[in-house]
Amino acid sequence: MYPYSLLKEGVGKTQLIAPYFSDNKNYEILFEINGNINGPIKFILGGISASKHVASSSFNFEKGWWENIVGKDKSIDLNKYCIISMDYLDYDGVTTFDQAKAIIFLLDYLKIKKIESFIGYSYGGMVALAIACISQKLANKIIILGAASESLPQSYALRCIQQKIVELNIGTKNEKEALETARKLGIITYRSTEELNTRFLDDTNPIVNYLDKKGKEFSSKFSSQKFLNLSKSINSHKVNPFYIKDNDIIFIGCTSDQIIPLTQIKKLSYELNIKNIVYEIDSIYGHDSYLNETLKISNLFQIIFEEQKKFKEKQNAY
């Protein structure tokens, strides 16, 4: 049981007080708590386009960004678990380590000393690795989907091109279209070549319409500056495996992921001097597989959570 006095379902905010960061500025943390507040706690973060709203709830019926995985009677069951998430800090120069410090601050604010697991996808997985560097055993288990210790040159270069498209048009009448164009360029790499070529083989118009829709969806929620700050945060991300100690880590990688190739995840796994496991999923959805492959991701979580349960029962037996 987790009887924390400050844990209640809903949306909250707190000030990340100076001098927590070197610039001595105060930043606001917006967070959301959902599910069984007396159950084991899972802190969940997604990609840069994700928000604190992971799944629908009694206080917000709108679908969350991981609605197919998180919910009542779903893989991450809100009847069993307490889910915490937050909106990313998005100021100029923000790093994955800044996000990690904000999470540590937030958990301290909520009077939580330890959580059952931290689950990070994409940028959220990078933040999880930063947490593993600076805080030992904050979570019983850290689960990282589609993330590694740094960006590979191809992914880094792609983001530089996206950033330049946006920067050249800030303050002009083309600013919104530029942001949408940058997003479209990203979408092409989030999905695999096989999936796009098969899905849109017969006609070029549907893929153009699809990208237009994705671009407009993104520009309706993101500002140019927020995109630039978080995109640059991904490119600046770098974690030294040597500093990741005393954490139980699980990696999940996809065979068709062009952004974070499975080979890069396996290399990081090999470089760590701690216990870790790499699970593979075979999918044509590329970096979006962790969002789209409901059954495969759910089955993996079932295995991981069952192992956690057995380990806890074994500990309690002594």
C-alpha atoms as a PDB file:
ATOM      1  CA  MET A   1       0.000   0.000   0.000  1.00  0.00           C
ATOM      2  CA  TYR A   2       1.125   3.541  -0.723  1.00  0.00           C
ATOM      3  CA  PRO A   3      -0.748   5.828   1.750  1.00  0.00           C
ATOM      4  CA  TYR A   4       0.725   9.157   0.625  1.00  0.00           C
ATOM      5  CA  SER A   5      -1.181  12.172   1.893  1.00  0.00           C
ATOM      6  CA  LEU A   6      -0.634  14.222  -1.279  1.00  0.00           C
ATOM      7  CA  LEU A   7      -1.721  11.490  -3.692  1.00  0.00           C
ATOM      8  CA  LYS A   8      -5.155  12.120  -5.123  1.00  0.00           C
ATOM      9  CA  GLU A   9      -6.552  11.704  -8.612  1.00  0.00           C
ATOM     10  CA  GLY A  10      -6.504  14.783 -10.767  1.00  0.00           C
ATOM     11  CA  VAL A  11      -4.286  17.446 -12.301  1.00  0.00           C
ATOM     12  CA  GLY A  12      -1.870  19.393 -10.152  1.00  0.00           C
ATOM     13  CA  LYS A  13       0.986  21.865 -10.369  1.00  0.00           C
ATOM     14  CA  THR A  14       3.926  22.927  -8.248  1.00  0.00           C
ATOM     15  CA  GLN A  15       6.834  25.327  -8.576  1.00  0.00           C
ATOM     16  CA  LEU A  16      10.258  23.828  -9.233  1.00  0.00           C
ATOM     17  CA  ILE A  17      12.069  26.224  -6.963  1.00  0.00           C
ATOM     18  CA  ALA A  18      15.455  27.841  -7.512  1.00  0.00           C
ATOM     19  CA  PRO A  19      18.318  27.062  -7.126  1.00  0.00           C
ATOM     20  CA  TYR A  20      17.342  23.570  -8.338  1.00  0.00           C
ATOM     21  CA  PHE A  21      18.769  24.520 -11.739  1.00  0.00           C
ATOM     22  CA  SER A  22      21.885  26.534 -12.439  1.00  0.00           C
ATOM     23  CA  ASP A  23      19.993  29.507 -13.927  1.00  0.00           C
ATOM     24  CA  ASN A  24      18.203  30.110 -10.581  1.00  0.00           C
ATOM     25  CA  LYS A  25      14.809  30.452 -12.249  1.00  0.00           C
ATOM     26  CA  ASN A  26      11.528  28.988 -11.056  1.00  0.00           C
ATOM     27  CA  TYR A  27       9.663  26.608 -13.371  1.00  0.00           C
ATOM     28  CA  GLU A  28       6.145  25.249 -13.062  1.00  0.00           C
ATOM     29  CA  ILE A  29       5.579  21.484 -13.122  1.00  0.00           C
ATOM     30  CA  LEU A  30       2.180  20.334 -14.358  1.00  0.00           C
ATOM     31  CA  PHE A  31       1.361  16.756 -13.427  1.00  0.00           C
ATOM     32  CA  GLU A  32      -1.514  14.276 -13.466  1.00  0.00           C
ATOM     33  CA  ILE A  33      -2.340  11.386 -11.130  1.00  0.00           C
ATOM     34  CA  ASN A  34      -4.680   8.633 -12.285  1.00  0.00           C
ATOM     35  CA  GLY A  35      -5.797   5.193 -11.091  1.00  0.00           C
ATOM     36  CA  ASN A  36      -5.613   3.457  -7.724  1.00  0.00           C
ATOM     37  CA  ILE A  37      -3.881   5.906  -5.386  1.00  0.00           C
ATOM     38  CA  ASN A  38      -3.273   3.084  -2.895  1.00  0.00           C
ATOM     39  CA  GLY A  39      -1.626   0.845  -5.486  1.00  0.00           C
ATOM     40  CA  PRO A  40       1.981   0.532  -6.687  1.00  0.00           C
ATOM     41  CA  ILE A  41       3.132   3.699  -8.431  1.00  0.00           C
ATOM     42  CA  LYS A  42       4.240   3.820 -12.066  1.00  0.00           C
ATOM     43  CA  PHE A  43       5.643   7.062 -13.451  1.00  0.00           C
ATOM     44  CA  ILE A  44       5.064   7.190 -17.234  1.00  0.00           C
ATOM     45  CA  LEU A  45       6.533   9.538 -19.838  1.00  0.00           C
ATOM     46  CA  GLY A  46       6.233   9.479 -23.640  1.00  0.00           C
ATOM     47  CA  GLY A  47       7.787  11.285 -26.599  1.00  0.00           C
ATOM     48  CA  ILE A  48       8.059  15.055 -26.894  1.00  0.00           C
ATOM     49  CA  SER A  49       4.531  15.275 -28.326  1.00  0.00           C
ATOM     50  CA  ALA A  50       3.070  13.384 -25.346  1.00  0.00           C
ATOM     51  CA  SER A  51       1.559  15.137 -22.347  1.00  0.00           C
ATOM     52  CA  LYS A  52       0.791  14.387 -18.725  1.00  0.00           C
ATOM     53  CA  HIS A  53      -2.558  12.957 -19.889  1.00  0.00           C
ATOM     54  CA  VAL A  54      -1.644   9.289 -20.413  1.00  0.00           C
ATOM     55  CA  ALA A  55      -5.156   7.818 -20.270  1.00  0.00           C
ATOM     56  CA  SER A  56      -8.771   8.875 -19.796  1.00  0.00           C
ATOM     57  CA  SER A  57     -10.118   9.070 -16.264  1.00  0.00           C
ATOM     58  CA  SER A  58     -13.107  10.013 -14.142  1.00  0.00           C
ATOM     59  CA  PHE A  59     -11.903  13.638 -14.136  1.00  0.00           C
ATOM     60  CA  ASN A  60     -10.940  13.781 -17.838  1.00  0.00           C
ATOM     61  CA  PHE A  61     -12.808  11.641 -20.370  1.00  0.00           C
ATOM     62  CA  GLU A  62     -10.552  12.640 -23.266  1.00  0.00           C
ATOM     63  CA  LYS A  63      -8.412   9.794 -24.599  1.00  0.00           C
ATOM     64  CA  GLY A  64      -4.779   9.870 -23.502  1.00  0.00           C
ATOM     65  CA  TRP A  65      -1.722   9.316 -25.675  1.00  0.00           C
ATOM     66  CA  TRP A  66      -1.339   5.691 -24.434  1.00  0.00           C
ATOM     67  CA  GLU A  67      -5.032   4.851 -24.119  1.00  0.00           C
ATOM     68  CA  ASN A  68      -4.586   1.400 -25.699  1.00  0.00           C
ATOM     69  CA  ILE A  69      -2.110   0.339 -22.998  1.00  0.00           C
ATOM     70  CA  VAL A  70      -3.169   2.249 -19.861  1.00  0.00           C
ATOM     71  CA  GLY A  71      -6.683   2.025 -18.454  1.00  0.00           C
ATOM     72  CA  LYS A  72      -9.023  -0.034 -16.350  1.00  0.00           C
ATOM     73  CA  ASP A  73      -8.557  -3.751 -17.081  1.00  0.00           C
ATOM     74  CA  LYS A  74      -5.831  -2.944 -19.616  1.00  0.00           C
ATOM     75  CA  SER A  75      -2.163  -3.904 -19.580  1.00  0.00           C
ATOM     76  CA  ILE A  76      -1.280  -1.117 -17.138  1.00  0.00           C
ATOM     77  CA  ASP A  77      -4.439  -1.495 -15.108  1.00  0.00           C
ATOM     78  CA  LEU A  78      -5.762   1.620 -13.390  1.00  0.00           C
ATOM     79  CA  ASN A  79      -7.671  -0.624 -11.000  1.00  0.00           C
ATOM     80  CA  LYS A  80      -4.293  -1.864  -9.692  1.00  0.00           C
ATOM     81  CA  TYR A  81      -1.781   0.898 -10.271  1.00  0.00           C
ATOM     82  CA  CYS A  82      -1.364   4.576  -9.528  1.00  0.00           C
ATOM     83  CA  ILE A  83      -0.087   6.393 -12.626  1.00  0.00           C
ATOM     84  CA  ILE A  84       1.800   9.669 -12.423  1.00  0.00           C
ATOM     85  CA  SER A  85       2.965  11.735 -15.380  1.00  0.00           C
ATOM     86  CA  MET A  86       3.949  15.325 -16.106  1.00  0.00           C
ATOM     87  CA  ASP A  87       4.278  17.821 -18.932  1.00  0.00           C
ATOM     88  CA  TYR A  88       7.853  18.335 -20.022  1.00  0.00           C
ATOM     89  CA  LEU A  89       9.728  21.465 -19.098  1.00  0.00           C
ATOM     90  CA  ASP A  90      10.205  23.244 -22.427  1.00  0.00           C
ATOM     91  CA  TYR A  91      12.409  26.263 -21.811  1.00  0.00           C
ATOM     92  CA  ASP A  92      15.395  27.110 -24.011  1.00  0.00           C
ATOM     93  CA  GLY A  93      18.353  24.857 -23.215  1.00  0.00           C
ATOM     94  CA  VAL A  94      16.392  22.234 -21.258  1.00  0.00           C
ATOM     95  CA  THR A  95      18.103  18.831 -21.038  1.00  0.00           C
ATOM     96  CA  THR A  96      16.980  15.299 -20.241  1.00  0.00           C
ATOM     97  CA  PHE A  97      18.830  15.662 -16.945  1.00  0.00           C
ATOM     98  CA  ASP A  98      16.756  18.773 -16.154  1.00  0.00           C
ATOM     99  CA  GLN A  99      13.603  16.712 -16.777  1.00  0.00           C
ATOM    100  CA  ALA A 100      14.979  14.000 -14.483  1.00  0.00           C
ATOM    101  CA  LYS A 101      15.662  16.538 -11.715  1.00  0.00           C
ATOM    102  CA  ALA A 102      12.118  17.880 -12.108  1.00  0.00           C
ATOM    103  CA  ILE A 103      10.703  14.365 -11.636  1.00  0.00           C
ATOM    104  CA  ILE A 104      12.813  13.800  -8.528  1.00  0.00           C
ATOM    105  CA  PHE A 105      11.617  17.167  -7.191  1.00  0.00           C
ATOM    106  CA  LEU A 106       7.987  16.293  -7.977  1.00  0.00           C
ATOM    107  CA  LEU A 107       8.167  12.918  -6.211  1.00  0.00           C
ATOM    108  CA  ASP A 108       9.724  14.626  -3.203  1.00  0.00           C
ATOM    109  CA  TYR A 109       6.919  17.215  -3.277  1.00  0.00           C
ATOM    110  CA  LEU A 110       4.389  14.355  -3.279  1.00  0.00           C
ATOM    111  CA  LYS A 111       6.306  12.750  -0.389  1.00  0.00           C
ATOM    112  CA  ILE A 112       7.107   9.654  -2.445  1.00  0.00           C
ATOM    113  CA  LYS A 113      10.454   8.066  -1.616  1.00  0.00           C
ATOM    114  CA  LYS A 114      10.291   5.212  -4.089  1.00  0.00           C
ATOM    115  CA  ILE A 115       8.072   4.026  -6.944  1.00  0.00           C
ATOM    116  CA  GLU A 116       7.505   0.572  -8.344  1.00  0.00           C
ATOM    117  CA  SER A 117       8.555   1.417 -11.884  1.00  0.00           C
ATOM    118  CA  PHE A 118       9.480   4.216 -14.214  1.00  0.00           C
ATOM    119  CA  ILE A 119       8.301   3.663 -17.782  1.00  0.00           C
ATOM    120  CA  GLY A 120       9.725   5.904 -20.501  1.00  0.00           C
ATOM    121  CA  TYR A 121       9.075   5.812 -24.234  1.00  0.00           C
ATOM    122  CA  SER A 122      11.238   7.697 -26.780  1.00  0.00           C
ATOM    123  CA  TYR A 123      12.240  11.035 -25.145  1.00  0.00           C
ATOM    124  CA  GLY A 124      10.731   9.685 -21.929  1.00  0.00           C
ATOM    125  CA  GLY A 125      13.151   6.751 -22.129  1.00  0.00           C
ATOM    126  CA  MET A 126      16.054   9.178 -22.435  1.00  0.00           C
ATOM    127  CA  VAL A 127      14.797  10.956 -19.304  1.00  0.00           C
ATOM    128  CA  ALA A 128      14.582   7.561 -17.581  1.00  0.00           C
ATOM    129  CA  LEU A 129      18.251   6.915 -18.387  1.00  0.00           C
ATOM    130  CA  ALA A 130      19.128  10.329 -16.959  1.00  0.00           C
ATOM    131  CA  ILE A 131      17.258   9.408 -13.778  1.00  0.00           C
ATOM    132  CA  ALA A 132      19.202   6.131 -13.598  1.00  0.00           C
ATOM    133  CA  CYS A 133      22.429   8.185 -13.675  1.00  0.00           C
ATOM    134  CA  ILE A 134      21.608  10.645 -10.912  1.00  0.00           C
ATOM    135  CA  SER A 135      19.322   8.700  -8.578  1.00  0.00           C
ATOM    136  CA  GLN A 136      20.019   5.187  -7.413  1.00  0.00           C
ATOM    137  CA  LYS A 137      16.987   3.011  -6.781  1.00  0.00           C
ATOM    138  CA  LEU A 138      14.337   5.697  -7.165  1.00  0.00           C
ATOM    139  CA  ALA A 139      12.318   2.936  -8.847  1.00  0.00           C
ATOM    140  CA  ASN A 140      12.330  -0.821  -8.346  1.00  0.00           C
ATOM    141  CA  LYS A 141      12.473  -1.160 -12.126  1.00  0.00           C
ATOM    142  CA  ILE A 142      13.132   1.179 -15.042  1.00  0.00           C
ATOM    143  CA  ILE A 143      11.482   0.181 -18.334  1.00  0.00           C
ATOM    144  CA  ILE A 144      12.797   1.940 -21.438  1.00  0.00           C
ATOM    145  CA  LEU A 145      11.067   1.715 -24.804  1.00  0.00           C
ATOM    146  CA  GLY A 146      12.751   2.999 -27.957  1.00  0.00           C
ATOM    147  CA  ALA A 147      15.505   5.048 -26.296  1.00  0.00           C
ATOM    148  CA  ALA A 148      19.273   4.884 -25.876  1.00  0.00           C
ATOM    149  CA  SER A 149      22.202   6.833 -24.461  1.00  0.00           C
ATOM    150  CA  GLU A 150      22.504   9.335 -27.344  1.00  0.00           C
ATOM    151  CA  SER A 151      21.282  10.179 -30.838  1.00  0.00           C
ATOM    152  CA  LEU A 152      22.906   8.440 -33.789  1.00  0.00           C
ATOM    153  CA  PRO A 153      24.251  10.750 -36.542  1.00  0.00           C
ATOM    154  CA  GLN A 154      21.352  10.115 -38.955  1.00  0.00           C
ATOM    155  CA  SER A 155      18.675  10.922 -36.370  1.00  0.00           C
ATOM    156  CA  TYR A 156      20.689  13.903 -35.105  1.00  0.00           C
ATOM    157  CA  ALA A 157      21.008  15.293 -38.639  1.00  0.00           C
ATOM    158  CA  LEU A 158      17.307  14.852 -39.354  1.00  0.00           C
ATOM    159  CA  ARG A 159      16.384  16.888 -36.285  1.00  0.00           C
ATOM    160  CA  CYS A 160      18.876  19.593 -37.274  1.00  0.00           C
ATOM    161  CA  ILE A 161      17.083  19.904 -40.639  1.00  0.00           C
ATOM    162  CA  GLN A 162      13.684  20.038 -38.902  1.00  0.00           C
ATOM    163  CA  GLN A 163      14.962  22.724 -36.538  1.00  0.00           C
ATOM    164  CA  LYS A 164      16.358  24.809 -39.404  1.00  0.00           C
ATOM    165  CA  ILE A 165      13.035  24.641 -41.289  1.00  0.00           C
ATOM    166  CA  VAL A 166      11.284  26.069 -38.219  1.00  0.00           C
ATOM    167  CA  GLU A 167      13.967  28.620 -37.299  1.00  0.00           C
ATOM    168  CA  LEU A 168      14.020  30.136 -40.806  1.00  0.00           C
ATOM    169  CA  ASN A 169      10.286  30.850 -40.583  1.00  0.00           C
ATOM    170  CA  ILE A 170       9.734  31.995 -36.992  1.00  0.00           C
ATOM    171  CA  GLY A 171       7.890  35.289 -36.959  1.00  0.00           C
ATOM    172  CA  THR A 172       6.797  35.031 -40.583  1.00  0.00           C
ATOM    173  CA  LYS A 173       3.448  34.212 -42.139  1.00  0.00           C
ATOM    174  CA  ASN A 174       4.876  30.767 -42.933  1.00  0.00           C
ATOM    175  CA  GLU A 175       5.688  29.852 -39.322  1.00  0.00           C
ATOM    176  CA  LYS A 176       2.801  27.430 -38.798  1.00  0.00           C
ATOM    177  CA  GLU A 177       3.342  25.727 -42.157  1.00  0.00           C
ATOM    178  CA  ALA A 178       7.054  25.371 -41.388  1.00  0.00           C
ATOM    179  CA  LEU A 179       6.287  23.662 -38.078  1.00  0.00           C
ATOM    180  CA  GLU A 180       3.883  21.311 -39.861  1.00  0.00           C
ATOM    181  CA  THR A 181       6.506  20.549 -42.519  1.00  0.00           C
ATOM    182  CA  ALA A 182       9.092  19.710 -39.863  1.00  0.00           C
ATOM    183  CA  ARG A 183       6.621  17.356 -38.232  1.00  0.00           C
ATOM    184  CA  LYS A 184       5.849  15.650 -41.562  1.00  0.00           C
ATOM    185  CA  LEU A 185       9.545  15.014 -42.080  1.00  0.00           C
ATOM    186  CA  GLY A 186       9.686  13.383 -38.660  1.00  0.00           C
ATOM    187  CA  ILE A 187       6.606  11.209 -39.290  1.00  0.00           C
ATOM    188  CA  ILE A 188       8.266   9.651 -42.351  1.00  0.00           C
ATOM    189  CA  THR A 189      11.111   8.371 -40.160  1.00  0.00           C
ATOM    190  CA  TYR A 190       8.956   7.350 -37.193  1.00  0.00           C
ATOM    191  CA  ARG A 191       7.298   4.746 -39.434  1.00  0.00           C
ATOM    192  CA  SER A 192       9.243   2.062 -41.312  1.00  0.00           C
ATOM    193  CA  THR A 193       9.846   2.141 -45.068  1.00  0.00           C
ATOM    194  CA  GLU A 194       7.987  -1.160 -45.391  1.00  0.00           C
ATOM    195  CA  GLU A 195       4.881   0.142 -43.614  1.00  0.00           C
ATOM    196  CA  LEU A 196       4.628   3.381 -45.594  1.00  0.00           C
ATOM    197  CA  ASN A 197       5.329   1.784 -48.972  1.00  0.00           C
ATOM    198  CA  THR A 198       2.810  -0.995 -48.365  1.00  0.00           C
ATOM    199  CA  ARG A 199       0.121   1.224 -46.873  1.00  0.00           C
ATOM    200  CA  PHE A 200       0.252   3.906 -49.584  1.00  0.00           C
ATOM    201  CA  LEU A 201       1.474   1.899 -52.575  1.00  0.00           C
ATOM    202  CA  ASP A 202      -1.462   2.435 -54.951  1.00  0.00           C
ATOM    203  CA  ASP A 203      -1.765   6.197 -54.728  1.00  0.00           C
ATOM    204  CA  THR A 204       0.457   9.084 -53.637  1.00  0.00           C
ATOM    205  CA  ASN A 205      -2.404  11.365 -52.534  1.00  0.00           C
ATOM    206  CA  PRO A 206      -3.342   9.397 -49.410  1.00  0.00           C
ATOM    207  CA  ILE A 207       0.174   9.696 -47.968  1.00  0.00           C
ATOM    208  CA  VAL A 208       0.180  13.440 -48.638  1.00  0.00           C
ATOM    209  CA  ASN A 209      -3.211  13.751 -46.942  1.00  0.00           C
ATOM    210  CA  TYR A 210      -1.990  11.607 -44.053  1.00  0.00           C
ATOM    211  CA  LEU A 211       1.078  13.805 -43.527  1.00  0.00           C
ATOM    212  CA  ASP A 212      -0.986  16.994 -43.823  1.00  0.00           C
ATOM    213  CA  LYS A 213      -3.297  15.720 -41.092  1.00  0.00           C
ATOM    214  CA  LYS A 214      -0.405  14.802 -38.790  1.00  0.00           C
ATOM    215  CA  GLY A 215       1.242  18.162 -39.365  1.00  0.00           C
ATOM    216  CA  LYS A 216      -1.918  20.112 -38.554  1.00  0.00           C
ATOM    217  CA  GLU A 217      -2.582  18.016 -35.438  1.00  0.00           C
ATOM    218  CA  PHE A 218       0.913  18.823 -34.198  1.00  0.00           C
ATOM    219  CA  SER A 219       0.788  22.567 -34.929  1.00  0.00           C
ATOM    220  CA  SER A 220      -2.533  22.859 -33.086  1.00  0.00           C
ATOM    221  CA  LYS A 221      -0.856  21.739 -29.844  1.00  0.00           C
ATOM    222  CA  PHE A 222       2.776  22.840 -30.192  1.00  0.00           C
ATOM    223  CA  SER A 223       4.440  26.205 -30.589  1.00  0.00           C
ATOM    224  CA  SER A 224       7.547  26.570 -32.752  1.00  0.00           C
ATOM    225  CA  GLN A 225       9.684  27.440 -29.739  1.00  0.00           C
ATOM    226  CA  LYS A 226       8.509  24.471 -27.698  1.00  0.00           C
ATOM    227  CA  PHE A 227       9.286  22.156 -30.605  1.00  0.00           C
ATOM    228  CA  LEU A 228      12.764  23.654 -31.039  1.00  0.00           C
ATOM    229  CA  ASN A 229      13.599  23.441 -27.340  1.00  0.00           C
ATOM    230  CA  LEU A 230      12.558  19.801 -26.991  1.00  0.00           C
ATOM    231  CA  SER A 231      14.031  18.732 -30.335  1.00  0.00           C
ATOM    232  CA  LYS A 232      17.361  20.262 -29.336  1.00  0.00           C
ATOM    233  CA  SER A 233      17.045  18.549 -25.960  1.00  0.00           C
ATOM    234  CA  ILE A 234      16.923  15.190 -27.754  1.00  0.00           C
ATOM    235  CA  ASN A 235      20.028  16.070 -29.766  1.00  0.00           C
ATOM    236  CA  SER A 236      21.934  17.148 -26.640  1.00  0.00           C
ATOM    237  CA  HIS A 237      21.017  13.969 -24.762  1.00  0.00           C
ATOM    238  CA  LYS A 238      24.050  11.941 -23.790  1.00  0.00           C
ATOM    239  CA  VAL A 239      24.348   9.418 -20.988  1.00  0.00           C
ATOM    240  CA  ASN A 240      27.560   7.719 -19.902  1.00  0.00           C
ATOM    241  CA  PRO A 241      26.741   4.034 -19.172  1.00  0.00           C
ATOM    242  CA  PHE A 242      29.454   4.047 -16.481  1.00  0.00           C
ATOM    243  CA  TYR A 243      27.273   6.242 -14.242  1.00  0.00           C
ATOM    244  CA  ILE A 244      24.223   3.994 -14.420  1.00  0.00           C
ATOM    245  CA  LYS A 245      24.529   1.853 -11.323  1.00  0.00           C
ATOM    246  CA  ASP A 246      22.334   0.003  -8.864  1.00  0.00           C
ATOM    247  CA  ASN A 247      19.239   0.101 -11.082  1.00  0.00           C
ATOM    248  CA  ASP A 248      17.220  -2.761 -12.542  1.00  0.00           C
ATOM    249  CA  ILE A 249      16.667  -1.841 -16.199  1.00  0.00           C
ATOM    250  CA  ILE A 250      14.585  -3.392 -18.969  1.00  0.00           C
ATOM    251  CA  PHE A 251      14.888  -2.280 -22.583  1.00  0.00           C
ATOM    252  CA  ILE A 252      12.278  -2.827 -25.276  1.00  0.00           C
ATOM    253  CA  GLY A 253      13.388  -2.326 -28.867  1.00  0.00           C
ATOM    254  CA  CYS A 254      11.792  -2.750 -32.269  1.00  0.00           C
ATOM    255  CA  THR A 255      13.330  -4.415 -35.315  1.00  0.00           C
ATOM    256  CA  SER A 256      12.173  -1.665 -37.709  1.00  0.00           C
ATOM    257  CA  ASP A 257      12.923   1.406 -35.555  1.00  0.00           C
ATOM    258  CA  GLN A 258      15.015   3.845 -37.627  1.00  0.00           C
ATOM    259  CA  ILE A 259      15.245   6.491 -34.875  1.00  0.00           C
ATOM    260  CA  ILE A 260      16.629   4.204 -32.164  1.00  0.00           C
ATOM    261  CA  PRO A 261      17.766   1.010 -33.904  1.00  0.00           C
ATOM    262  CA  LEU A 262      17.666  -2.236 -31.960  1.00  0.00           C
ATOM    263  CA  THR A 263      21.440  -2.580 -32.466  1.00  0.00           C
ATOM    264  CA  GLN A 264      21.975   0.680 -30.566  1.00  0.00           C
ATOM    265  CA  ILE A 265      19.853  -0.535 -27.648  1.00  0.00           C
ATOM    266  CA  LYS A 266      21.758  -3.845 -27.538  1.00  0.00           C
ATOM    267  CA  LYS A 267      25.072  -1.979 -27.565  1.00  0.00           C
ATOM    268  CA  LEU A 268      23.991   0.111 -24.569  1.00  0.00           C
ATOM    269  CA  SER A 269      22.770  -3.014 -22.786  1.00  0.00           C
ATOM    270  CA  TYR A 270      26.174  -4.627 -23.295  1.00  0.00           C
ATOM    271  CA  GLU A 271      28.011  -1.539 -21.995  1.00  0.00           C
ATOM    272  CA  LEU A 272      26.062  -1.420 -18.722  1.00  0.00           C
ATOM    273  CA  ASN A 273      27.676  -3.029 -15.710  1.00  0.00           C
ATOM    274  CA  ILE A 274      24.334  -3.794 -14.101  1.00  0.00           C
ATOM    275  CA  LYS A 275      21.558  -6.316 -14.535  1.00  0.00           C
ATOM    276  CA  ASN A 276      19.443  -5.538 -17.581  1.00  0.00           C
ATOM    277  CA  ILE A 277      17.277  -7.314 -20.144  1.00  0.00           C
ATOM    278  CA  VAL A 278      16.508  -6.478 -23.764  1.00  0.00           C
ATOM    279  CA  TYR A 279      13.155  -7.517 -25.217  1.00  0.00           C
ATOM    280  CA  GLU A 280      12.570  -7.331 -28.965  1.00  0.00           C
ATOM    281  CA  ILE A 281       9.334  -6.781 -30.843  1.00  0.00           C
ATOM    282  CA  ASP A 282       9.009  -7.468 -34.546  1.00  0.00           C
ATOM    283  CA  SER A 283       6.821  -4.821 -36.167  1.00  0.00           C
ATOM    284  CA  ILE A 284       6.528  -2.765 -39.354  1.00  0.00           C
ATOM    285  CA  TYR A 285       5.546   0.384 -37.420  1.00  0.00           C
ATOM    286  CA  GLY A 286       9.074   1.545 -36.632  1.00  0.00           C
ATOM    287  CA  HIS A 287       9.479   4.011 -33.754  1.00  0.00           C
ATOM    288  CA  ASP A 288       5.680   4.162 -33.419  1.00  0.00           C
ATOM    289  CA  SER A 289       5.501   0.419 -32.678  1.00  0.00           C
ATOM    290  CA  TYR A 290       5.490   1.142 -28.950  1.00  0.00           C
ATOM    291  CA  LEU A 291       2.255   3.078 -29.457  1.00  0.00           C
ATOM    292  CA  ASN A 292       0.588   0.881 -32.082  1.00  0.00           C
ATOM    293  CA  GLU A 293       1.482  -2.713 -31.194  1.00  0.00           C
ATOM    294  CA  THR A 294      -1.057  -3.031 -28.396  1.00  0.00           C
ATOM    295  CA  LEU A 295      -0.970  -6.824 -28.042  1.00  0.00           C
ATOM    296  CA  LYS A 296       2.814  -7.195 -28.272  1.00  0.00           C
ATOM    297  CA  ILE A 297       3.540  -4.409 -25.783  1.00  0.00           C
ATOM    298  CA  SER A 298       0.769  -5.626 -23.463  1.00  0.00           C
ATOM    299  CA  ASN A 299       2.160  -9.169 -23.499  1.00  0.00           C
ATOM    300  CA  LEU A 300       5.631  -7.896 -22.630  1.00  0.00           C
ATOM    301  CA  PHE A 301       4.308  -5.806 -19.768  1.00  0.00           C
ATOM    302  CA  GLN A 302       2.421  -8.827 -18.474  1.00  0.00           C
ATOM    303  CA  ILE A 303       5.684 -10.799 -18.386  1.00  0.00           C
ATOM    304  CA  ILE A 304       7.595  -7.942 -16.745  1.00  0.00           C
ATOM    305  CA  PHE A 305       4.940  -7.199 -14.117  1.00  0.00           C
ATOM    306  CA  GLU A 306       4.528 -10.892 -13.299  1.00  0.00           C
ATOM    307  CA  GLU A 307       8.275 -11.180 -12.699  1.00  0.00           C
ATOM    308  CA  GLN A 308       8.114  -8.112 -10.450  1.00  0.00           C
ATOM    309  CA  LYS A 309       5.278  -9.684  -8.492  1.00  0.00           C
ATOM    310  CA  LYS A 310       7.155 -12.959  -8.043  1.00  0.00           C
ATOM    311  CA  PHE A 311      10.303 -11.142  -6.929  1.00  0.00           C
ATOM    312  CA  LYS A 312       8.343  -9.099  -4.379  1.00  0.00           C
ATOM    313  CA  GLU A 313       6.617 -12.224  -3.028  1.00  0.00           C
ATOM    314  CA  LYS A 314       9.988 -13.939  -2.717  1.00  0.00           C
ATOM    315  CA  GLN A 315      11.394 -10.970  -0.800  1.00  0.00           C
ATOM    316  CA  ASN A 316       8.402 -10.891   1.552  1.00  0.00           C
ATOM    317  CA  ALA A 317       8.839 -14.598   2.264  1.00  0.00           C
ATOM    318  CA  TYR A 318      12.166 -13.996   3.968  1.00  0.00           C
END
